[in-house]
Amino acid sequence: MFDFCTELAQFRTVDKARISKALTKIETSWSESRTRAFLDRAFELERAHVVGITGPPGVGKSTLISALAQIYRGQNLSVGIIAVDPSSQISGGALLGDRARFDLNPDDEGVFVRSMASRDRLGGLSEFTYPSVVLLQAIFDRVIVETVGIGQSEVDISSVADSVVLCIQPASGDGLQYIKAGAIEIPDIAVVTKTDLGMVAERALHDVRSSLSLTKPLGGDWDVPVIGTSVVRVEGIGELSQSISDHYASLGARNIIVSSRMRKSQDWLRSSLRERFGRRGIEVIETKFDLAEFCDKPFQSEYSIMKKFDFRFK
């Protein structure tokens, strides 16, 4: 029988079967105290740079992830990938087609891919994305999260990833779409894909740069680069990889990696409690607790808070 409390160091051999079983345990045994204790231990040992890849359906996210993973493997970095797929409104299941679209070597022990159904959750992710990222972040050098194809308001990826890459497809609609509040406000890097399309790609690059100039916060320490990429022509992928590394280095130089990690923990804790108790429930809970004090052990803390307040909302 799989021992969920096996020392985390054993996972760092990148045993794909063992990691898969651990992720399945997270989804199927979420209420068990040992599951949460294991995740809190993983949370203490996080080391990977987490990159979020988001954008509308068909923009080329999976193709871009394949190219990035190949660059990281060429640098001898291990890569864990989580691909979130939409769930069926009828069966609740998902085809998990992103895994089929990745152009990766299945025999490469340094690359691990996990498909995950969104289960009708809004925001572009699954309810188990953050806990799964925490585990993979303690095992791999790089973790890449691909969201469900998003619209203008699904921005959960910013609460999971260190660096958010927003992908935009040329000729996908009116340029004004780029300046609507929502997705354009979250990227650390913007990518216009399929630049082999020519003039329409150049127009998209211009529109995105103009949009970002309107949303840039005053006094910001990071200028969001806008990069054109073409996997067909093998253009811009190296520049994208370098920009992702530069952004992470910028976080380190500003000494905000730890605070950002704690903010993500608090975001997840609030989101999970809100799903169970609603907005009013959060208000009641926050009269008793400062949730920021629980961010160093978010998973056990969430369970303890839920047990304490469950009776009030039945």
C-alpha atoms as a PDB file:
ATOM      1  CA  MET A   1       0.000   0.000   0.000  1.00  0.00           C
ATOM      2  CA  PHE A   2       1.251   3.518  -0.810  1.00  0.00           C
ATOM      3  CA  ASP A   3       2.680   5.205   2.274  1.00  0.00           C
ATOM      4  CA  PHE A   4       1.673   8.840   1.928  1.00  0.00           C
ATOM      5  CA  CYS A   5       4.011   9.939   4.717  1.00  0.00           C
ATOM      6  CA  THR A   6       7.176   8.692   2.963  1.00  0.00           C
ATOM      7  CA  GLU A   7       9.979  11.199   3.397  1.00  0.00           C
ATOM      8  CA  LEU A   8       9.760  13.891   0.742  1.00  0.00           C
ATOM      9  CA  ALA A   9      13.417  13.377  -0.155  1.00  0.00           C
ATOM     10  CA  GLN A  10      12.500  10.092  -1.825  1.00  0.00           C
ATOM     11  CA  PHE A  11      10.282  11.953  -4.280  1.00  0.00           C
ATOM     12  CA  ARG A  12      13.209  14.011  -5.494  1.00  0.00           C
ATOM     13  CA  THR A  13      14.465  11.056  -7.499  1.00  0.00           C
ATOM     14  CA  VAL A  14      11.534  12.050  -9.768  1.00  0.00           C
ATOM     15  CA  ASP A  15       9.757   8.727  -9.496  1.00  0.00           C
ATOM     16  CA  LYS A  16       6.789   9.460 -11.752  1.00  0.00           C
ATOM     17  CA  ALA A  17       4.643   6.620 -10.428  1.00  0.00           C
ATOM     18  CA  ARG A  18       5.166   7.698  -6.819  1.00  0.00           C
ATOM     19  CA  ILE A  19       4.438  11.351  -7.613  1.00  0.00           C
ATOM     20  CA  SER A  20       1.263  10.379  -9.475  1.00  0.00           C
ATOM     21  CA  LYS A  21       0.066   8.357  -6.490  1.00  0.00           C
ATOM     22  CA  ALA A  22       0.790  11.263  -4.170  1.00  0.00           C
ATOM     23  CA  LEU A  23      -1.220  13.666  -6.330  1.00  0.00           C
ATOM     24  CA  THR A  24      -4.086  11.184  -6.486  1.00  0.00           C
ATOM     25  CA  LYS A  25      -3.991  10.947  -2.690  1.00  0.00           C
ATOM     26  CA  ILE A  26      -4.305  14.713  -2.462  1.00  0.00           C
ATOM     27  CA  GLU A  27      -7.494  14.586  -4.523  1.00  0.00           C
ATOM     28  CA  THR A  28      -9.040  11.480  -2.929  1.00  0.00           C
ATOM     29  CA  SER A  29      -7.900  11.790   0.704  1.00  0.00           C
ATOM     30  CA  TRP A  30      -8.056  15.540   1.169  1.00  0.00           C
ATOM     31  CA  SER A  31      -9.806  15.329   4.542  1.00  0.00           C
ATOM     32  CA  GLU A  32      -7.136  13.115   6.133  1.00  0.00           C
ATOM     33  CA  SER A  33      -4.811  14.828   8.593  1.00  0.00           C
ATOM     34  CA  ARG A  34      -1.733  13.025   7.243  1.00  0.00           C
ATOM     35  CA  THR A  35      -2.453  14.408   3.756  1.00  0.00           C
ATOM     36  CA  ARG A  36      -2.457  17.952   5.073  1.00  0.00           C
ATOM     37  CA  ALA A  37       0.588  17.371   7.267  1.00  0.00           C
ATOM     38  CA  PHE A  38       2.465  16.027   4.252  1.00  0.00           C
ATOM     39  CA  LEU A  39       1.548  19.085   2.182  1.00  0.00           C
ATOM     40  CA  ASP A  40       2.542  21.505   4.923  1.00  0.00           C
ATOM     41  CA  ARG A  41       5.913  19.768   5.037  1.00  0.00           C
ATOM     42  CA  ALA A  42       6.203  20.165   1.261  1.00  0.00           C
ATOM     43  CA  PHE A  43       5.230  23.826   1.653  1.00  0.00           C
ATOM     44  CA  GLU A  44       8.222  24.341   3.962  1.00  0.00           C
ATOM     45  CA  LEU A  45      10.557  22.852   1.333  1.00  0.00           C
ATOM     46  CA  GLU A  46       9.344  24.695  -1.768  1.00  0.00           C
ATOM     47  CA  ARG A  47      12.192  25.468  -4.124  1.00  0.00           C
ATOM     48  CA  ALA A  48      10.927  25.608  -7.717  1.00  0.00           C
ATOM     49  CA  HIS A  49      10.155  28.648  -9.811  1.00  0.00           C
ATOM     50  CA  VAL A  50       6.440  28.346 -10.703  1.00  0.00           C
ATOM     51  CA  VAL A  51       5.489  29.668 -14.140  1.00  0.00           C
ATOM     52  CA  GLY A  52       1.829  30.167 -15.053  1.00  0.00           C
ATOM     53  CA  ILE A  53       0.842  30.029 -18.717  1.00  0.00           C
ATOM     54  CA  THR A  54      -2.604  31.449 -19.404  1.00  0.00           C
ATOM     55  CA  GLY A  55      -4.659  32.750 -22.312  1.00  0.00           C
ATOM     56  CA  PRO A  56      -7.721  31.976 -24.434  1.00  0.00           C
ATOM     57  CA  PRO A  57      -8.439  28.575 -26.022  1.00  0.00           C
ATOM     58  CA  GLY A  58      -6.408  27.821 -29.132  1.00  0.00           C
ATOM     59  CA  VAL A  59      -3.732  30.430 -28.474  1.00  0.00           C
ATOM     60  CA  GLY A  60      -0.982  27.786 -28.370  1.00  0.00           C
ATOM     61  CA  LYS A  61      -0.317  27.401 -24.637  1.00  0.00           C
ATOM     62  CA  SER A  62       0.504  23.677 -24.799  1.00  0.00           C
ATOM     63  CA  THR A  63       2.868  24.151 -27.732  1.00  0.00           C
ATOM     64  CA  LEU A  64       4.639  26.971 -25.905  1.00  0.00           C
ATOM     65  CA  ILE A  65       4.961  24.870 -22.751  1.00  0.00           C
ATOM     66  CA  SER A  66       6.539  22.042 -24.751  1.00  0.00           C
ATOM     67  CA  ALA A  67       9.132  24.449 -26.127  1.00  0.00           C
ATOM     68  CA  LEU A  68       9.907  25.895 -22.684  1.00  0.00           C
ATOM     69  CA  ALA A  69      10.211  22.426 -21.155  1.00  0.00           C
ATOM     70  CA  GLN A  70      12.732  21.458 -23.813  1.00  0.00           C
ATOM     71  CA  ILE A  71      14.814  24.542 -23.020  1.00  0.00           C
ATOM     72  CA  TYR A  72      14.760  23.722 -19.296  1.00  0.00           C
ATOM     73  CA  ARG A  73      15.731  20.114 -19.939  1.00  0.00           C
ATOM     74  CA  GLY A  74      18.600  21.373 -22.074  1.00  0.00           C
ATOM     75  CA  GLN A  75      19.744  23.255 -18.974  1.00  0.00           C
ATOM     76  CA  ASN A  76      19.484  20.022 -16.965  1.00  0.00           C
ATOM     77  CA  LEU A  77      16.531  21.360 -14.955  1.00  0.00           C
ATOM     78  CA  SER A  78      13.703  19.023 -13.959  1.00  0.00           C
ATOM     79  CA  VAL A  79      10.211  20.143 -14.960  1.00  0.00           C
ATOM     80  CA  GLY A  80       6.792  19.415 -13.456  1.00  0.00           C
ATOM     81  CA  ILE A  81       3.746  20.409 -15.521  1.00  0.00           C
ATOM     82  CA  ILE A  82       0.115  20.738 -14.431  1.00  0.00           C
ATOM     83  CA  ALA A  83      -2.404  21.152 -17.252  1.00  0.00           C
ATOM     84  CA  VAL A  84      -5.947  22.088 -16.238  1.00  0.00           C
ATOM     85  CA  ASP A  85      -8.683  20.990 -18.648  1.00  0.00           C
ATOM     86  CA  PRO A  86     -12.354  22.000 -18.737  1.00  0.00           C
ATOM     87  CA  SER A  87     -14.878  19.565 -17.252  1.00  0.00           C
ATOM     88  CA  SER A  88     -17.977  18.244 -18.969  1.00  0.00           C
ATOM     89  CA  GLN A  89     -21.241  19.857 -17.869  1.00  0.00           C
ATOM     90  CA  ILE A  90     -22.893  16.442 -18.352  1.00  0.00           C
ATOM     91  CA  SER A  91     -20.525  13.855 -16.865  1.00  0.00           C
ATOM     92  CA  GLY A  92     -18.248  16.089 -14.797  1.00  0.00           C
ATOM     93  CA  GLY A  93     -15.229  14.455 -16.432  1.00  0.00           C
ATOM     94  CA  ALA A  94     -12.549  15.839 -18.712  1.00  0.00           C
ATOM     95  CA  LEU A  95     -10.820  14.494 -21.806  1.00  0.00           C
ATOM     96  CA  LEU A  96      -7.482  15.754 -20.463  1.00  0.00           C
ATOM     97  CA  GLY A  97      -6.393  16.526 -24.003  1.00  0.00           C
ATOM     98  CA  ASP A  98      -3.548  18.860 -23.037  1.00  0.00           C
ATOM     99  CA  ARG A  99      -1.306  15.900 -22.276  1.00  0.00           C
ATOM    100  CA  ALA A 100      -1.791  14.636 -25.848  1.00  0.00           C
ATOM    101  CA  ARG A 101      -0.781  18.037 -27.258  1.00  0.00           C
ATOM    102  CA  PHE A 102       2.525  18.252 -25.388  1.00  0.00           C
ATOM    103  CA  ASP A 103       5.473  17.376 -27.605  1.00  0.00           C
ATOM    104  CA  LEU A 104       7.639  15.796 -24.908  1.00  0.00           C
ATOM    105  CA  ASN A 105       9.676  12.623 -24.577  1.00  0.00           C
ATOM    106  CA  PRO A 106       7.612  10.223 -22.420  1.00  0.00           C
ATOM    107  CA  ASP A 107      10.796   8.367 -21.442  1.00  0.00           C
ATOM    108  CA  ASP A 108      12.443  11.498 -20.036  1.00  0.00           C
ATOM    109  CA  GLU A 109      12.472  11.026 -16.252  1.00  0.00           C
ATOM    110  CA  GLY A 110      13.137  14.737 -15.795  1.00  0.00           C
ATOM    111  CA  VAL A 111       9.699  15.777 -17.062  1.00  0.00           C
ATOM    112  CA  PHE A 112       6.423  15.022 -15.306  1.00  0.00           C
ATOM    113  CA  VAL A 113       2.967  15.954 -16.634  1.00  0.00           C
ATOM    114  CA  ARG A 114      -0.265  15.897 -14.636  1.00  0.00           C
ATOM    115  CA  SER A 115      -3.611  16.651 -16.253  1.00  0.00           C
ATOM    116  CA  MET A 116      -6.311  17.969 -13.963  1.00  0.00           C
ATOM    117  CA  ALA A 117     -10.034  18.597 -14.485  1.00  0.00           C
ATOM    118  CA  SER A 118     -11.296  22.055 -13.549  1.00  0.00           C
ATOM    119  CA  ARG A 119     -14.506  20.528 -12.114  1.00  0.00           C
ATOM    120  CA  ASP A 120     -16.557  23.585 -13.089  1.00  0.00           C
ATOM    121  CA  ARG A 121     -14.436  25.863 -10.938  1.00  0.00           C
ATOM    122  CA  LEU A 122     -14.182  29.399 -12.261  1.00  0.00           C
ATOM    123  CA  GLY A 123     -10.840  31.172 -12.456  1.00  0.00           C
ATOM    124  CA  GLY A 124      -9.033  28.867 -14.893  1.00  0.00           C
ATOM    125  CA  LEU A 125      -7.736  26.348 -12.311  1.00  0.00           C
ATOM    126  CA  SER A 126      -8.912  23.349 -10.286  1.00  0.00           C
ATOM    127  CA  GLU A 127      -9.535  23.319  -6.542  1.00  0.00           C
ATOM    128  CA  PHE A 128      -6.537  20.992  -6.202  1.00  0.00           C
ATOM    129  CA  THR A 129      -4.151  22.993  -8.383  1.00  0.00           C
ATOM    130  CA  TYR A 130      -2.540  24.917  -5.536  1.00  0.00           C
ATOM    131  CA  PRO A 131      -1.955  21.884  -3.256  1.00  0.00           C
ATOM    132  CA  SER A 132      -0.555  19.960  -6.244  1.00  0.00           C
ATOM    133  CA  VAL A 133       1.751  22.850  -7.142  1.00  0.00           C
ATOM    134  CA  VAL A 134       3.033  22.928  -3.564  1.00  0.00           C
ATOM    135  CA  LEU A 135       4.048  19.268  -3.824  1.00  0.00           C
ATOM    136  CA  LEU A 136       5.668  19.617  -7.247  1.00  0.00           C
ATOM    137  CA  GLN A 137       7.434  22.786  -6.150  1.00  0.00           C
ATOM    138  CA  ALA A 138       9.277  20.790  -3.499  1.00  0.00           C
ATOM    139  CA  ILE A 139      10.400  18.188  -6.062  1.00  0.00           C
ATOM    140  CA  PHE A 140      11.199  19.912  -9.364  1.00  0.00           C
ATOM    141  CA  ASP A 141      13.388  22.824 -10.456  1.00  0.00           C
ATOM    142  CA  ARG A 142      10.624  24.364 -12.562  1.00  0.00           C
ATOM    143  CA  VAL A 143       6.859  23.963 -12.315  1.00  0.00           C
ATOM    144  CA  ILE A 144       4.643  25.082 -15.197  1.00  0.00           C
ATOM    145  CA  VAL A 145       0.882  25.486 -14.764  1.00  0.00           C
ATOM    146  CA  GLU A 146      -1.366  25.734 -17.806  1.00  0.00           C
ATOM    147  CA  THR A 147      -4.823  27.143 -17.145  1.00  0.00           C
ATOM    148  CA  VAL A 148      -8.085  26.301 -18.831  1.00  0.00           C
ATOM    149  CA  GLY A 149      -8.606  28.585 -21.824  1.00  0.00           C
ATOM    150  CA  ILE A 150      -9.639  31.829 -20.125  1.00  0.00           C
ATOM    151  CA  GLY A 151     -11.650  34.946 -20.895  1.00  0.00           C
ATOM    152  CA  GLN A 152     -11.239  38.394 -19.371  1.00  0.00           C
ATOM    153  CA  SER A 153     -11.805  37.722 -15.677  1.00  0.00           C
ATOM    154  CA  GLU A 154     -10.282  34.309 -14.859  1.00  0.00           C
ATOM    155  CA  VAL A 155      -7.165  35.393 -12.999  1.00  0.00           C
ATOM    156  CA  ASP A 156      -6.604  32.688 -10.348  1.00  0.00           C
ATOM    157  CA  ILE A 157      -3.225  31.864 -11.870  1.00  0.00           C
ATOM    158  CA  SER A 158      -1.784  35.001 -10.266  1.00  0.00           C
ATOM    159  CA  SER A 159      -2.415  33.398  -6.854  1.00  0.00           C
ATOM    160  CA  VAL A 160      -0.418  30.281  -7.775  1.00  0.00           C
ATOM    161  CA  ALA A 161       2.482  31.273 -10.032  1.00  0.00           C
ATOM    162  CA  ASP A 162       5.606  33.324  -9.333  1.00  0.00           C
ATOM    163  CA  SER A 163       5.666  34.487 -12.949  1.00  0.00           C
ATOM    164  CA  VAL A 164       2.519  34.777 -15.075  1.00  0.00           C
ATOM    165  CA  VAL A 165       2.763  34.577 -18.863  1.00  0.00           C
ATOM    166  CA  LEU A 166      -0.333  35.800 -20.726  1.00  0.00           C
ATOM    167  CA  CYS A 167      -0.622  34.465 -24.267  1.00  0.00           C
ATOM    168  CA  ILE A 168      -2.504  36.442 -26.914  1.00  0.00           C
ATOM    169  CA  GLN A 169      -3.379  35.267 -30.403  1.00  0.00           C
ATOM    170  CA  PRO A 170      -3.163  37.590 -33.412  1.00  0.00           C
ATOM    171  CA  ALA A 171      -6.383  38.464 -35.236  1.00  0.00           C
ATOM    172  CA  SER A 172      -8.443  37.202 -32.304  1.00  0.00           C
ATOM    173  CA  GLY A 173     -10.726  40.231 -32.083  1.00  0.00           C
ATOM    174  CA  ASP A 174     -10.979  43.938 -31.517  1.00  0.00           C
ATOM    175  CA  GLY A 175      -7.862  45.529 -30.053  1.00  0.00           C
ATOM    176  CA  LEU A 176     -10.010  47.057 -27.323  1.00  0.00           C
ATOM    177  CA  GLN A 177     -10.331  43.577 -25.799  1.00  0.00           C
ATOM    178  CA  TYR A 178      -6.789  43.998 -24.490  1.00  0.00           C
ATOM    179  CA  ILE A 179      -7.552  47.022 -22.330  1.00  0.00           C
ATOM    180  CA  LYS A 180     -10.569  45.592 -20.516  1.00  0.00           C
ATOM    181  CA  ALA A 181      -9.995  45.031 -16.812  1.00  0.00           C
ATOM    182  CA  GLY A 182      -9.076  41.481 -15.893  1.00  0.00           C
ATOM    183  CA  ALA A 183      -6.517  39.342 -17.653  1.00  0.00           C
ATOM    184  CA  ILE A 184      -4.402  42.221 -18.980  1.00  0.00           C
ATOM    185  CA  GLU A 185      -3.685  43.318 -15.388  1.00  0.00           C
ATOM    186  CA  ILE A 186      -2.057  40.062 -14.252  1.00  0.00           C
ATOM    187  CA  PRO A 187       0.842  39.233 -16.594  1.00  0.00           C
ATOM    188  CA  ASP A 188       4.482  39.567 -15.701  1.00  0.00           C
ATOM    189  CA  ILE A 189       5.232  38.738 -19.336  1.00  0.00           C
ATOM    190  CA  ALA A 190       2.932  39.078 -22.357  1.00  0.00           C
ATOM    191  CA  VAL A 191       3.354  36.859 -25.386  1.00  0.00           C
ATOM    192  CA  VAL A 192       1.817  37.262 -28.819  1.00  0.00           C
ATOM    193  CA  THR A 193       1.898  33.785 -30.355  1.00  0.00           C
ATOM    194  CA  LYS A 194       2.027  32.745 -34.010  1.00  0.00           C
ATOM    195  CA  THR A 195       4.040  35.714 -35.233  1.00  0.00           C
ATOM    196  CA  ASP A 196       4.569  33.800 -38.463  1.00  0.00           C
ATOM    197  CA  LEU A 197       1.113  35.227 -39.379  1.00  0.00           C
ATOM    198  CA  GLY A 198       2.847  38.490 -40.284  1.00  0.00           C
ATOM    199  CA  MET A 199       1.104  41.863 -40.146  1.00  0.00           C
ATOM    200  CA  VAL A 200      -1.769  40.767 -37.897  1.00  0.00           C
ATOM    201  CA  ALA A 201       0.826  39.658 -35.345  1.00  0.00           C
ATOM    202  CA  GLU A 202       2.616  43.006 -35.580  1.00  0.00           C
ATOM    203  CA  ARG A 203      -0.704  44.765 -34.963  1.00  0.00           C
ATOM    204  CA  ALA A 204      -1.384  42.553 -31.932  1.00  0.00           C
ATOM    205  CA  LEU A 205       2.070  43.332 -30.506  1.00  0.00           C
ATOM    206  CA  HIS A 206       1.385  47.056 -30.884  1.00  0.00           C
ATOM    207  CA  ASP A 207      -2.076  46.775 -29.275  1.00  0.00           C
ATOM    208  CA  VAL A 208      -0.786  44.787 -26.300  1.00  0.00           C
ATOM    209  CA  ARG A 209       2.048  47.228 -25.650  1.00  0.00           C
ATOM    210  CA  SER A 210      -0.442  50.093 -25.751  1.00  0.00           C
ATOM    211  CA  SER A 211      -2.790  48.293 -23.376  1.00  0.00           C
ATOM    212  CA  LEU A 212      -0.041  47.533 -20.885  1.00  0.00           C
ATOM    213  CA  SER A 213       1.028  51.177 -20.847  1.00  0.00           C
ATOM    214  CA  LEU A 214      -2.448  51.998 -19.487  1.00  0.00           C
ATOM    215  CA  THR A 215      -2.438  49.334 -16.760  1.00  0.00           C
ATOM    216  CA  LYS A 216       1.157  49.655 -15.519  1.00  0.00           C
ATOM    217  CA  PRO A 217       1.174  50.617 -11.811  1.00  0.00           C
ATOM    218  CA  LEU A 218       2.932  53.830 -10.914  1.00  0.00           C
ATOM    219  CA  GLY A 219       6.376  53.206  -9.496  1.00  0.00           C
ATOM    220  CA  GLY A 220       6.424  49.593 -10.642  1.00  0.00           C
ATOM    221  CA  ASP A 221       9.777  47.796 -10.416  1.00  0.00           C
ATOM    222  CA  TRP A 222       9.153  45.490 -13.374  1.00  0.00           C
ATOM    223  CA  ASP A 223       8.327  46.525 -16.925  1.00  0.00           C
ATOM    224  CA  VAL A 224       6.182  43.818 -18.521  1.00  0.00           C
ATOM    225  CA  PRO A 225       7.951  42.691 -21.706  1.00  0.00           C
ATOM    226  CA  VAL A 226       5.859  41.921 -24.786  1.00  0.00           C
ATOM    227  CA  ILE A 227       7.385  39.096 -26.789  1.00  0.00           C
ATOM    228  CA  GLY A 228       6.427  37.698 -30.162  1.00  0.00           C
ATOM    229  CA  THR A 229       6.857  33.945 -30.547  1.00  0.00           C
ATOM    230  CA  SER A 230       6.528  31.432 -33.339  1.00  0.00           C
ATOM    231  CA  VAL A 231       7.076  27.765 -32.604  1.00  0.00           C
ATOM    232  CA  VAL A 232       6.884  27.094 -36.351  1.00  0.00           C
ATOM    233  CA  ARG A 233       9.846  29.398 -36.997  1.00  0.00           C
ATOM    234  CA  VAL A 234      11.436  28.756 -33.580  1.00  0.00           C
ATOM    235  CA  GLU A 235      11.347  32.472 -32.814  1.00  0.00           C
ATOM    236  CA  GLY A 236      11.130  34.211 -29.455  1.00  0.00           C
ATOM    237  CA  ILE A 237      11.193  31.062 -27.292  1.00  0.00           C
ATOM    238  CA  GLY A 238      14.688  31.733 -25.957  1.00  0.00           C
ATOM    239  CA  GLU A 239      13.769  35.370 -25.293  1.00  0.00           C
ATOM    240  CA  LEU A 240      10.669  34.226 -23.394  1.00  0.00           C
ATOM    241  CA  SER A 241      12.692  31.786 -21.297  1.00  0.00           C
ATOM    242  CA  GLN A 242      15.199  34.531 -20.453  1.00  0.00           C
ATOM    243  CA  SER A 243      12.422  36.981 -19.525  1.00  0.00           C
ATOM    244  CA  ILE A 244      10.900  34.406 -17.173  1.00  0.00           C
ATOM    245  CA  SER A 245      14.293  33.953 -15.488  1.00  0.00           C
ATOM    246  CA  ASP A 246      14.811  37.717 -15.323  1.00  0.00           C
ATOM    247  CA  HIS A 247      11.435  38.192 -13.645  1.00  0.00           C
ATOM    248  CA  TYR A 248      12.226  35.608 -10.980  1.00  0.00           C
ATOM    249  CA  ALA A 249      15.613  37.234 -10.412  1.00  0.00           C
ATOM    250  CA  SER A 250      13.796  40.545  -9.999  1.00  0.00           C
ATOM    251  CA  LEU A 251      11.604  39.020  -7.287  1.00  0.00           C
ATOM    252  CA  GLY A 252      14.723  37.803  -5.501  1.00  0.00           C
ATOM    253  CA  ALA A 253      16.482  41.153  -5.829  1.00  0.00           C
ATOM    254  CA  ARG A 254      13.479  42.864  -4.235  1.00  0.00           C
ATOM    255  CA  ASN A 255      13.368  40.259  -1.437  1.00  0.00           C
ATOM    256  CA  ILE A 256       9.701  39.495  -2.049  1.00  0.00           C
ATOM    257  CA  ILE A 257       9.791  35.782  -2.907  1.00  0.00           C
ATOM    258  CA  VAL A 258       9.007  34.737   0.678  1.00  0.00           C
ATOM    259  CA  SER A 259       6.285  37.366   1.132  1.00  0.00           C
ATOM    260  CA  SER A 260       4.809  36.410  -2.240  1.00  0.00           C
ATOM    261  CA  ARG A 261       4.757  32.762  -1.196  1.00  0.00           C
ATOM    262  CA  MET A 262       2.910  33.665   2.001  1.00  0.00           C
ATOM    263  CA  ARG A 263       0.436  35.799   0.051  1.00  0.00           C
ATOM    264  CA  LYS A 264      -0.357  32.827  -2.194  1.00  0.00           C
ATOM    265  CA  SER A 265      -0.880  30.676   0.889  1.00  0.00           C
ATOM    266  CA  GLN A 266      -3.285  33.235   2.351  1.00  0.00           C
ATOM    267  CA  ASP A 267      -5.104  33.627  -0.972  1.00  0.00           C
ATOM    268  CA  TRP A 268      -5.661  29.877  -1.121  1.00  0.00           C
ATOM    269  CA  LEU A 269      -6.775  29.710   2.507  1.00  0.00           C
ATOM    270  CA  ARG A 270      -9.326  32.490   2.038  1.00  0.00           C
ATOM    271  CA  SER A 271     -10.586  31.016  -1.226  1.00  0.00           C
ATOM    272  CA  SER A 272     -11.042  27.559   0.276  1.00  0.00           C
ATOM    273  CA  LEU A 273     -12.887  28.877   3.325  1.00  0.00           C
ATOM    274  CA  ARG A 274     -15.053  31.132   1.169  1.00  0.00           C
ATOM    275  CA  GLU A 275     -16.125  28.167  -0.954  1.00  0.00           C
ATOM    276  CA  ARG A 276     -17.311  26.327   2.148  1.00  0.00           C
ATOM    277  CA  PHE A 277     -18.760  29.159   4.222  1.00  0.00           C
ATOM    278  CA  GLY A 278     -19.429  31.972   1.751  1.00  0.00           C
ATOM    279  CA  ARG A 279     -18.619  35.661   2.096  1.00  0.00           C
ATOM    280  CA  ARG A 280     -20.510  35.978   5.365  1.00  0.00           C
ATOM    281  CA  GLY A 281     -18.609  33.014   6.748  1.00  0.00           C
ATOM    282  CA  ILE A 282     -15.287  34.673   5.969  1.00  0.00           C
ATOM    283  CA  GLU A 283     -16.441  37.803   7.803  1.00  0.00           C
ATOM    284  CA  VAL A 284     -17.301  35.739  10.911  1.00  0.00           C
ATOM    285  CA  ILE A 285     -14.031  33.801  10.776  1.00  0.00           C
ATOM    286  CA  GLU A 286     -11.941  36.954  10.405  1.00  0.00           C
ATOM    287  CA  THR A 287     -13.472  38.428  13.548  1.00  0.00           C
ATOM    288  CA  LYS A 288     -11.783  35.543  15.406  1.00  0.00           C
ATOM    289  CA  PHE A 289      -8.588  35.000  13.417  1.00  0.00           C
ATOM    290  CA  ASP A 290      -5.995  36.871  11.436  1.00  0.00           C
ATOM    291  CA  LEU A 291      -5.625  34.425   8.549  1.00  0.00           C
ATOM    292  CA  ALA A 292      -2.142  35.742   7.824  1.00  0.00           C
ATOM    293  CA  GLU A 293      -0.984  34.005  11.014  1.00  0.00           C
ATOM    294  CA  PHE A 294      -1.877  30.608   9.531  1.00  0.00           C
ATOM    295  CA  CYS A 295      -0.025  30.898   6.244  1.00  0.00           C
ATOM    296  CA  ASP A 296       3.030  28.908   7.271  1.00  0.00           C
ATOM    297  CA  LYS A 297       0.867  25.772   7.604  1.00  0.00           C
ATOM    298  CA  PRO A 298      -2.081  26.525   5.317  1.00  0.00           C
ATOM    299  CA  PHE A 299      -3.425  23.017   4.817  1.00  0.00           C
ATOM    300  CA  GLN A 300      -3.702  21.877   8.435  1.00  0.00           C
ATOM    301  CA  SER A 301      -4.905  25.354   9.411  1.00  0.00           C
ATOM    302  CA  GLU A 302      -7.720  25.249   6.851  1.00  0.00           C
ATOM    303  CA  TYR A 303      -8.929  21.928   8.250  1.00  0.00           C
ATOM    304  CA  SER A 304      -8.793  23.193  11.858  1.00  0.00           C
ATOM    305  CA  ILE A 305     -10.705  26.379  11.025  1.00  0.00           C
ATOM    306  CA  MET A 306     -13.341  24.436   9.112  1.00  0.00           C
ATOM    307  CA  LYS A 307     -13.885  22.050  12.019  1.00  0.00           C
ATOM    308  CA  LYS A 308     -14.200  24.942  14.445  1.00  0.00           C
ATOM    309  CA  PHE A 309     -16.767  26.840  12.384  1.00  0.00           C
ATOM    310  CA  ASP A 310     -18.689  24.068  10.640  1.00  0.00           C
ATOM    311  CA  PHE A 311     -21.393  23.969  13.325  1.00  0.00           C
ATOM    312  CA  ARG A 312     -22.219  27.645  12.860  1.00  0.00           C
ATOM    313  CA  PHE A 313     -23.248  27.229   9.249  1.00  0.00           C
ATOM    314  CA  LYS A 314     -25.315  24.026   9.316  1.00  0.00           C
END
